[in-house]
Amino acid sequence: MADRIALIAAVVLPLWNIPLIVRIVKRKSSRDISIFWALGVWMCLLLMAPSAFNSEDLVWRVFNIVNLSLFTMVVIMVLIYRRERKKDGFDED
């Protein structure tokens, strides 16, 4: 039973990235999100991924796959909306 609960949590936890993605798209801005933070977290997830992919622990594998996938979408949105604002002359950073 504990493994089933953990597996459900491994899928649900990364889903909290979806509201962040929606907020970025809705506002058409990622200015309040640090690019260094987003890329730093993403790099850490990438560095942990080989361990997860080779692990026999299903919960760890599923969590990593879902989290890496959704956080990759966050990073892409942060970069796209930061670049668009700079191109339009709105971002002074």
N, C-alpha and C. Protein backbone atom coordinates (compact mmCIF):
# COMPACT_ATOMS: atom_id res chain seq x y z
N MET A 1 0.82 -1.20 0.00
CA MET A 1 0.00 0.00 0.00
C MET A 1 0.87 1.27 0.00
N ALA A 2 1.93 1.25 0.79
CA ALA A 2 2.81 2.42 0.86
C ALA A 2 3.46 2.71 -0.49
N ASP A 3 3.80 1.66 -1.22
CA ASP A 3 4.41 1.85 -2.54
C ASP A 3 3.42 2.46 -3.53
N ARG A 4 2.16 2.07 -3.44
CA ARG A 4 1.14 2.65 -4.33
C ARG A 4 0.94 4.13 -4.02
N ILE A 5 0.89 4.46 -2.74
CA ILE A 5 0.74 5.87 -2.35
C ILE A 5 1.94 6.68 -2.83
N ALA A 6 3.13 6.13 -2.66
CA ALA A 6 4.35 6.81 -3.10
C ALA A 6 4.36 6.98 -4.61
N LEU A 7 3.88 6.00 -5.34
CA LEU A 7 3.84 6.09 -6.80
C LEU A 7 2.87 7.18 -7.24
N ILE A 8 1.73 7.25 -6.59
CA ILE A 8 0.76 8.30 -6.90
C ILE A 8 1.37 9.67 -6.61
N ALA A 9 2.04 9.79 -5.46
CA ALA A 9 2.69 11.06 -5.11
C ALA A 9 3.79 11.41 -6.09
N ALA A 10 4.50 10.41 -6.60
CA ALA A 10 5.58 10.64 -7.57
C ALA A 10 5.05 11.23 -8.86
N VAL A 11 3.82 10.91 -9.20
CA VAL A 11 3.20 11.46 -10.41
C VAL A 11 2.57 12.82 -10.10
N VAL A 12 1.92 12.94 -8.94
CA VAL A 12 1.18 14.16 -8.62
C VAL A 12 2.11 15.33 -8.28
N LEU A 13 3.18 15.09 -7.55
CA LEU A 13 4.06 16.18 -7.12
C LEU A 13 4.57 17.04 -8.28
N PRO A 14 5.10 16.45 -9.35
CA PRO A 14 5.57 17.29 -10.46
C PRO A 14 4.45 18.02 -11.20
N LEU A 15 3.21 17.59 -11.02
CA LEU A 15 2.10 18.27 -11.68
C LEU A 15 1.94 19.71 -11.21
N TRP A 16 2.55 20.04 -10.07
CA TRP A 16 2.50 21.42 -9.58
C TRP A 16 3.28 22.36 -10.49
N ASN A 17 4.05 21.82 -11.43
CA ASN A 17 4.71 22.66 -12.43
C ASN A 17 3.71 23.22 -13.44
N ILE A 18 2.60 22.54 -13.63
CA ILE A 18 1.61 22.96 -14.64
C ILE A 18 1.04 24.34 -14.33
N PRO A 19 0.63 24.64 -13.09
CA PRO A 19 0.14 26.00 -12.83
C PRO A 19 1.21 27.08 -13.10
N LEU A 20 2.46 26.74 -12.86
CA LEU A 20 3.54 27.69 -13.15
C LEU A 20 3.63 27.94 -14.66
N ILE A 21 3.55 26.89 -15.44
CA ILE A 21 3.58 27.03 -16.90
C ILE A 21 2.39 27.86 -17.38
N VAL A 22 1.21 27.55 -16.86
CA VAL A 22 0.00 28.27 -17.25
C VAL A 22 0.12 29.75 -16.89
N ARG A 23 0.65 30.04 -15.70
CA ARG A 23 0.82 31.44 -15.28
C ARG A 23 1.75 32.19 -16.21
N ILE A 24 2.84 31.57 -16.60
CA ILE A 24 3.79 32.21 -17.52
C ILE A 24 3.11 32.51 -18.85
N VAL A 25 2.40 31.53 -19.39
CA VAL A 25 1.74 31.71 -20.69
C VAL A 25 0.63 32.75 -20.59
N LYS A 26 -0.14 32.68 -19.53
CA LYS A 26 -1.27 33.62 -19.36
C LYS A 26 -0.79 35.07 -19.25
N ARG A 27 0.29 35.28 -18.50
CA ARG A 27 0.82 36.64 -18.33
C ARG A 27 1.75 37.04 -19.46
N LYS A 28 2.16 36.05 -20.25
CA LYS A 28 3.13 36.28 -21.33
C LYS A 28 4.43 36.88 -20.80
N SER A 29 4.82 36.40 -19.60
CA SER A 29 6.04 36.90 -18.98
C SER A 29 6.60 35.84 -18.02
N SER A 30 7.92 35.76 -17.98
CA SER A 30 8.59 34.91 -17.00
C SER A 30 9.57 35.76 -16.18
N ARG A 31 9.33 37.05 -16.16
CA ARG A 31 10.24 37.98 -15.50
C ARG A 31 10.42 37.71 -14.01
N ASP A 32 9.40 37.17 -13.35
CA ASP A 32 9.51 36.92 -11.91
C ASP A 32 10.23 35.61 -11.59
N ILE A 33 10.66 34.88 -12.61
CA ILE A 33 11.35 33.62 -12.41
C ILE A 33 12.80 33.78 -12.86
N SER A 34 13.71 33.50 -11.97
CA SER A 34 15.13 33.61 -12.28
C SER A 34 15.54 32.55 -13.29
N ILE A 35 16.20 33.00 -14.35
CA ILE A 35 16.72 32.06 -15.35
C ILE A 35 17.78 31.17 -14.70
N PHE A 36 18.60 31.74 -13.85
CA PHE A 36 19.65 30.95 -13.18
C PHE A 36 19.04 29.88 -12.28
N TRP A 37 17.95 30.21 -11.59
CA TRP A 37 17.27 29.23 -10.75
C TRP A 37 16.70 28.11 -11.62
N ALA A 38 15.98 28.48 -12.67
CA ALA A 38 15.34 27.49 -13.53
C ALA A 38 16.38 26.56 -14.16
N LEU A 39 17.44 27.14 -14.70
CA LEU A 39 18.48 26.32 -15.32
C LEU A 39 19.26 25.51 -14.29
N GLY A 40 19.46 26.06 -13.10
CA GLY A 40 20.14 25.33 -12.03
C GLY A 40 19.36 24.11 -11.58
N VAL A 41 18.06 24.28 -11.36
CA VAL A 41 17.21 23.15 -10.97
C VAL A 41 17.18 22.12 -12.10
N TRP A 42 17.04 22.58 -13.33
CA TRP A 42 16.97 21.68 -14.46
C TRP A 42 18.27 20.88 -14.62
N MET A 43 19.41 21.54 -14.43
CA MET A 43 20.70 20.83 -14.53
C MET A 43 20.81 19.76 -13.44
N CYS A 44 20.37 20.08 -12.24
CA CYS A 44 20.38 19.09 -11.16
C CYS A 44 19.49 17.90 -11.50
N LEU A 45 18.32 18.17 -12.06
CA LEU A 45 17.42 17.09 -12.47
C LEU A 45 18.07 16.23 -13.55
N LEU A 46 18.76 16.87 -14.49
CA LEU A 46 19.46 16.11 -15.54
C LEU A 46 20.57 15.24 -14.97
N LEU A 47 21.29 15.78 -13.98
CA LEU A 47 22.38 15.02 -13.38
C LEU A 47 21.87 13.84 -12.54
N MET A 48 20.67 13.97 -11.98
CA MET A 48 20.07 12.87 -11.21
C MET A 48 19.41 11.84 -12.10
N ALA A 49 19.06 12.20 -13.32
CA ALA A 49 18.30 11.33 -14.21
C ALA A 49 18.95 9.97 -14.46
N PRO A 50 20.26 9.89 -14.73
CA PRO A 50 20.83 8.56 -14.97
C PRO A 50 20.65 7.61 -13.78
N SER A 51 20.76 8.14 -12.58
CA SER A 51 20.53 7.30 -11.40
C SER A 51 19.10 6.79 -11.38
N ALA A 52 18.16 7.65 -11.71
CA ALA A 52 16.75 7.25 -11.70
C ALA A 52 16.45 6.25 -12.81
N PHE A 53 16.98 6.49 -13.99
CA PHE A 53 16.69 5.60 -15.12
C PHE A 53 17.24 4.20 -14.89
N ASN A 54 18.33 4.10 -14.14
CA ASN A 54 18.95 2.80 -13.86
C ASN A 54 18.46 2.16 -12.57
N SER A 55 17.67 2.88 -11.82
CA SER A 55 17.19 2.38 -10.54
C SER A 55 16.10 1.33 -10.72
N GLU A 56 16.07 0.39 -9.79
CA GLU A 56 15.00 -0.59 -9.79
C GLU A 56 13.78 -0.08 -9.02
N ASP A 57 13.95 1.05 -8.34
CA ASP A 57 12.85 1.64 -7.58
C ASP A 57 11.90 2.36 -8.53
N LEU A 58 10.73 1.82 -8.71
CA LEU A 58 9.75 2.36 -9.64
C LEU A 58 9.34 3.79 -9.28
N VAL A 59 9.17 4.05 -8.00
CA VAL A 59 8.76 5.40 -7.56
C VAL A 59 9.80 6.44 -7.97
N TRP A 60 11.07 6.15 -7.75
CA TRP A 60 12.15 7.07 -8.10
C TRP A 60 12.21 7.29 -9.61
N ARG A 61 12.05 6.21 -10.37
CA ARG A 61 12.07 6.33 -11.84
C ARG A 61 10.91 7.17 -12.34
N VAL A 62 9.71 6.86 -11.89
CA VAL A 62 8.53 7.59 -12.35
C VAL A 62 8.61 9.05 -11.96
N PHE A 63 8.99 9.32 -10.71
CA PHE A 63 9.10 10.71 -10.26
C PHE A 63 10.08 11.48 -11.14
N ASN A 64 11.23 10.90 -11.41
CA ASN A 64 12.24 11.58 -12.21
C ASN A 64 11.78 11.83 -13.63
N ILE A 65 11.14 10.86 -14.23
CA ILE A 65 10.68 11.02 -15.61
C ILE A 65 9.63 12.12 -15.70
N VAL A 66 8.63 12.07 -14.81
CA VAL A 66 7.57 13.07 -14.85
C VAL A 66 8.11 14.45 -14.48
N ASN A 67 8.94 14.51 -13.44
CA ASN A 67 9.47 15.80 -13.00
C ASN A 67 10.41 16.41 -14.04
N LEU A 68 11.27 15.60 -14.62
CA LEU A 68 12.17 16.12 -15.66
C LEU A 68 11.38 16.60 -16.87
N SER A 69 10.36 15.87 -17.26
CA SER A 69 9.55 16.27 -18.40
C SER A 69 8.84 17.60 -18.15
N LEU A 70 8.16 17.69 -17.02
CA LEU A 70 7.40 18.91 -16.74
C LEU A 70 8.31 20.10 -16.45
N PHE A 71 9.41 19.87 -15.74
CA PHE A 71 10.29 21.01 -15.46
C PHE A 71 11.02 21.46 -16.71
N THR A 72 11.24 20.55 -17.65
CA THR A 72 11.80 20.95 -18.94
C THR A 72 10.85 21.91 -19.63
N MET A 73 9.56 21.65 -19.52
CA MET A 73 8.57 22.57 -20.10
C MET A 73 8.62 23.93 -19.40
N VAL A 74 8.82 23.93 -18.08
CA VAL A 74 8.95 25.20 -17.35
C VAL A 74 10.14 25.98 -17.88
N VAL A 75 11.28 25.32 -18.01
CA VAL A 75 12.49 26.00 -18.49
C VAL A 75 12.29 26.54 -19.90
N ILE A 76 11.67 25.77 -20.75
CA ILE A 76 11.41 26.22 -22.12
C ILE A 76 10.53 27.47 -22.11
N MET A 77 9.47 27.46 -21.30
CA MET A 77 8.58 28.62 -21.21
C MET A 77 9.30 29.84 -20.65
N VAL A 78 10.12 29.62 -19.63
CA VAL A 78 10.89 30.74 -19.06
C VAL A 78 11.79 31.35 -20.12
N LEU A 79 12.48 30.51 -20.87
CA LEU A 79 13.39 31.03 -21.89
C LEU A 79 12.64 31.68 -23.04
N ILE A 80 11.56 31.09 -23.49
CA ILE A 80 10.79 31.67 -24.60
C ILE A 80 10.23 33.03 -24.20
N TYR A 81 9.59 33.11 -23.06
CA TYR A 81 8.96 34.37 -22.68
C TYR A 81 9.97 35.42 -22.23
N ARG A 82 11.15 35.01 -21.80
CA ARG A 82 12.19 35.98 -21.50
C ARG A 82 12.76 36.53 -22.79
N ARG A 83 12.96 35.66 -23.77
CA ARG A 83 13.52 36.07 -25.06
C ARG A 83 12.53 36.99 -25.80
N GLU A 84 11.25 36.64 -25.78
CA GLU A 84 10.25 37.47 -26.46
C GLU A 84 10.20 38.86 -25.87
N ARG A 85 10.29 38.98 -24.57
CA ARG A 85 10.25 40.30 -23.93
C ARG A 85 11.49 41.10 -24.30
N LYS A 86 12.65 40.45 -24.36
CA LYS A 86 13.86 41.17 -24.75
C LYS A 86 13.77 41.63 -26.20
N LYS A 87 13.22 40.76 -27.06
CA LYS A 87 13.09 41.10 -28.48
C LYS A 87 12.16 42.30 -28.66
N ASP A 88 11.11 42.39 -27.82
CA ASP A 88 10.16 43.49 -27.91
C ASP A 88 10.66 44.75 -27.20
N GLY A 89 11.82 44.64 -26.53
CA GLY A 89 12.38 45.79 -25.84
C GLY A 89 11.80 46.04 -24.46
N PHE A 90 11.11 45.07 -23.89
CA PHE A 90 10.51 45.24 -22.58
C PHE A 90 11.45 44.89 -21.43
N ASP A 91 12.42 44.05 -21.68
CA ASP A 91 13.28 43.55 -20.62
C ASP A 91 14.61 44.28 -20.65
N GLU A 92 14.98 44.85 -19.52
CA GLU A 92 16.22 45.61 -19.49
C GLU A 92 17.37 44.83 -18.88
N ASP A 93 17.13 43.59 -18.41
CA ASP A 93 18.18 42.79 -17.77
C ASP A 93 19.14 42.27 -18.80
